[in-house]
Amino acid sequence: MNTLIDNAATAHLASLATQQDPRAALKAAANEKQLRAAAEDFEAVFLNTMFSQMFTDIDGDGPFGGDGAVGVWRSFLTDEYAKSFAKSGGIGIADHVYSALLEIQEQKAH
């Protein structure tokens, strides 16, 4: 799915390069990288919420026991899990968000 999105982005950049000057194509490429990063961040926030819900009723017998430190540690752990999942392809939310952001950007340009 990522290659499909990347191919669409490449085609979009090629059309911009032929219509406008090269500086506009570079600006569009930077903007599309920002859109991809925003989409991945959105998915990471969603995944973080889902992962933190999985751990709500677990007290923990691990290295931190069940005291207050375990809550802080778990929040960092779920955040890193979410970022890692989103960066490696996630569950597909980022691709859909990225496509929607590209469509919105194209509609505003015309």
C-alpha atoms as a PDB file:
ATOM      1  CA  MET A   1       0.000   0.000   0.000  1.00  0.00           C
ATOM      2  CA  ASN A   2       2.870   2.367   0.784  1.00  0.00           C
ATOM      3  CA  THR A   3       4.294   1.941  -2.730  1.00  0.00           C
ATOM      4  CA  LEU A   4       0.910   2.850  -4.187  1.00  0.00           C
ATOM      5  CA  ILE A   5       0.847   6.041  -2.118  1.00  0.00           C
ATOM      6  CA  ASP A   6       4.487   6.797  -2.933  1.00  0.00           C
ATOM      7  CA  ASN A   7       3.830   6.290  -6.656  1.00  0.00           C
ATOM      8  CA  ALA A   8       0.882   8.676  -6.466  1.00  0.00           C
ATOM      9  CA  ALA A   9       3.053  11.237  -4.698  1.00  0.00           C
ATOM     10  CA  THR A  10       5.787  10.841  -7.326  1.00  0.00           C
ATOM     11  CA  ALA A  11       3.269  11.314 -10.138  1.00  0.00           C
ATOM     12  CA  HIS A  12       1.910  14.368  -8.364  1.00  0.00           C
ATOM     13  CA  LEU A  13       5.424  15.820  -8.081  1.00  0.00           C
ATOM     14  CA  ALA A  14       6.139  15.117 -11.751  1.00  0.00           C
ATOM     15  CA  SER A  15       2.998  16.956 -12.808  1.00  0.00           C
ATOM     16  CA  LEU A  16       3.956  19.902 -10.632  1.00  0.00           C
ATOM     17  CA  ALA A  17       7.460  19.980 -12.086  1.00  0.00           C
ATOM     18  CA  THR A  18       6.144  20.168 -15.639  1.00  0.00           C
ATOM     19  CA  GLN A  19       3.609  22.877 -14.800  1.00  0.00           C
ATOM     20  CA  GLN A  20       5.799  25.063 -12.611  1.00  0.00           C
ATOM     21  CA  ASP A  21       9.422  25.910 -11.991  1.00  0.00           C
ATOM     22  CA  PRO A  22      11.761  23.439 -10.234  1.00  0.00           C
ATOM     23  CA  ARG A  23      11.630  25.384  -6.984  1.00  0.00           C
ATOM     24  CA  ALA A  24       7.904  24.704  -6.752  1.00  0.00           C
ATOM     25  CA  ALA A  25       8.535  20.976  -7.231  1.00  0.00           C
ATOM     26  CA  LEU A  26      11.092  21.002  -4.402  1.00  0.00           C
ATOM     27  CA  LYS A  27       8.667  22.886  -2.177  1.00  0.00           C
ATOM     28  CA  ALA A  28       5.934  20.361  -3.012  1.00  0.00           C
ATOM     29  CA  ALA A  29       8.276  17.474  -2.175  1.00  0.00           C
ATOM     30  CA  ALA A  30       9.056  19.012   1.205  1.00  0.00           C
ATOM     31  CA  ASN A  31       5.345  19.588   1.798  1.00  0.00           C
ATOM     32  CA  GLU A  32       4.524  15.968   0.939  1.00  0.00           C
ATOM     33  CA  LYS A  33       7.186  14.781   3.394  1.00  0.00           C
ATOM     34  CA  GLN A  34       5.500  16.936   6.028  1.00  0.00           C
ATOM     35  CA  LEU A  35       2.130  15.425   5.106  1.00  0.00           C
ATOM     36  CA  ARG A  36       3.552  11.894   5.437  1.00  0.00           C
ATOM     37  CA  ALA A  37       5.080  12.774   8.815  1.00  0.00           C
ATOM     38  CA  ALA A  38       1.772  14.270  10.007  1.00  0.00           C
ATOM     39  CA  ALA A  39      -0.102  11.154   8.894  1.00  0.00           C
ATOM     40  CA  GLU A  40       2.352   8.894  10.740  1.00  0.00           C
ATOM     41  CA  ASP A  41       2.107  11.089  13.844  1.00  0.00           C
ATOM     42  CA  PHE A  42      -1.694  10.820  13.710  1.00  0.00           C
ATOM     43  CA  GLU A  43      -1.484   7.031  13.519  1.00  0.00           C
ATOM     44  CA  ALA A  44       1.033   6.973  16.371  1.00  0.00           C
ATOM     45  CA  VAL A  45      -1.348   8.970  18.587  1.00  0.00           C
ATOM     46  CA  PHE A  46      -4.176   6.561  17.757  1.00  0.00           C
ATOM     47  CA  LEU A  47      -1.994   3.519  18.429  1.00  0.00           C
ATOM     48  CA  ASN A  48      -0.726   5.040  21.676  1.00  0.00           C
ATOM     49  CA  THR A  49      -4.313   5.396  22.865  1.00  0.00           C
ATOM     50  CA  MET A  50      -5.050   1.793  21.944  1.00  0.00           C
ATOM     51  CA  PHE A  51      -1.880   0.450  23.582  1.00  0.00           C
ATOM     52  CA  SER A  52      -2.430   2.412  26.788  1.00  0.00           C
ATOM     53  CA  GLN A  53      -5.954   0.980  27.031  1.00  0.00           C
ATOM     54  CA  MET A  54      -4.479  -2.507  26.884  1.00  0.00           C
ATOM     55  CA  PHE A  55      -2.474  -1.843  30.044  1.00  0.00           C
ATOM     56  CA  THR A  56      -5.067  -0.036  32.172  1.00  0.00           C
ATOM     57  CA  ASP A  57      -5.898  -2.860  34.597  1.00  0.00           C
ATOM     58  CA  ILE A  58      -2.461  -4.453  34.826  1.00  0.00           C
ATOM     59  CA  ASP A  59      -0.727  -3.732  38.131  1.00  0.00           C
ATOM     60  CA  GLY A  60       2.565  -5.314  37.232  1.00  0.00           C
ATOM     61  CA  ASP A  61       4.855  -7.679  39.040  1.00  0.00           C
ATOM     62  CA  GLY A  62       7.820  -6.769  36.881  1.00  0.00           C
ATOM     63  CA  PRO A  63      10.928  -4.787  37.747  1.00  0.00           C
ATOM     64  CA  PHE A  64       8.927  -1.702  38.765  1.00  0.00           C
ATOM     65  CA  GLY A  65       6.382  -3.534  40.907  1.00  0.00           C
ATOM     66  CA  GLY A  66       3.007  -1.839  41.205  1.00  0.00           C
ATOM     67  CA  ASP A  67       3.985   1.605  42.498  1.00  0.00           C
ATOM     68  CA  GLY A  68       3.662   4.983  40.739  1.00  0.00           C
ATOM     69  CA  ALA A  69       6.748   4.466  38.614  1.00  0.00           C
ATOM     70  CA  VAL A  70       5.045   1.752  36.595  1.00  0.00           C
ATOM     71  CA  GLY A  71       2.482   4.240  35.238  1.00  0.00           C
ATOM     72  CA  VAL A  72       5.187   6.594  34.025  1.00  0.00           C
ATOM     73  CA  TRP A  73       7.230   3.767  32.557  1.00  0.00           C
ATOM     74  CA  ARG A  74       4.192   2.329  30.763  1.00  0.00           C
ATOM     75  CA  SER A  75       3.310   5.685  29.215  1.00  0.00           C
ATOM     76  CA  PHE A  76       6.810   5.936  27.732  1.00  0.00           C
ATOM     77  CA  LEU A  77       6.695   2.310  26.619  1.00  0.00           C
ATOM     78  CA  THR A  78       3.323   2.634  24.869  1.00  0.00           C
ATOM     79  CA  ASP A  79       4.439   5.865  23.221  1.00  0.00           C
ATOM     80  CA  GLU A  80       7.544   4.189  21.801  1.00  0.00           C
ATOM     81  CA  TYR A  81       5.534   1.139  20.717  1.00  0.00           C
ATOM     82  CA  ALA A  82       3.097   3.415  18.892  1.00  0.00           C
ATOM     83  CA  LYS A  83       5.837   5.411  17.141  1.00  0.00           C
ATOM     84  CA  SER A  84       7.628   2.228  16.125  1.00  0.00           C
ATOM     85  CA  PHE A  85       4.461   0.620  14.753  1.00  0.00           C
ATOM     86  CA  ALA A  86       3.441   3.746  12.831  1.00  0.00           C
ATOM     87  CA  LYS A  87       6.901   4.221  11.338  1.00  0.00           C
ATOM     88  CA  SER A  88       7.088   0.618  10.131  1.00  0.00           C
ATOM     89  CA  GLY A  89       3.757   0.737   8.311  1.00  0.00           C
ATOM     90  CA  GLY A  90       1.330   0.635  11.179  1.00  0.00           C
ATOM     91  CA  ILE A  91      -2.172  -0.635  10.648  1.00  0.00           C
ATOM     92  CA  GLY A  92      -2.903   1.447   7.553  1.00  0.00           C
ATOM     93  CA  ILE A  93      -4.369   4.584   9.078  1.00  0.00           C
ATOM     94  CA  ALA A  94      -1.421   6.766   8.037  1.00  0.00           C
ATOM     95  CA  ASP A  95      -1.837   5.777   4.375  1.00  0.00           C
ATOM     96  CA  HIS A  96      -5.483   6.815   4.372  1.00  0.00           C
ATOM     97  CA  VAL A  97      -4.775  10.061   6.215  1.00  0.00           C
ATOM     98  CA  TYR A  98      -1.918  10.844   3.812  1.00  0.00           C
ATOM     99  CA  SER A  99      -4.170  10.252   0.786  1.00  0.00           C
ATOM    100  CA  ALA A 100      -6.866  12.471   2.272  1.00  0.00           C
ATOM    101  CA  LEU A 101      -4.354  15.231   3.006  1.00  0.00           C
ATOM    102  CA  LEU A 102      -3.046  15.061  -0.576  1.00  0.00           C
ATOM    103  CA  GLU A 103      -6.593  15.344  -1.939  1.00  0.00           C
ATOM    104  CA  ILE A 104      -7.352  18.326   0.287  1.00  0.00           C
ATOM    105  CA  GLN A 105      -4.110  19.996  -0.792  1.00  0.00           C
ATOM    106  CA  GLU A 106      -4.893  19.445  -4.480  1.00  0.00           C
ATOM    107  CA  GLN A 107      -8.415  20.842  -4.072  1.00  0.00           C
ATOM    108  CA  LYS A 108      -7.034  23.970  -2.402  1.00  0.00           C
ATOM    109  CA  ALA A 109      -4.476  24.404  -5.204  1.00  0.00           C
ATOM    110  CA  HIS A 110      -7.158  24.456  -7.896  1.00  0.00           C
END
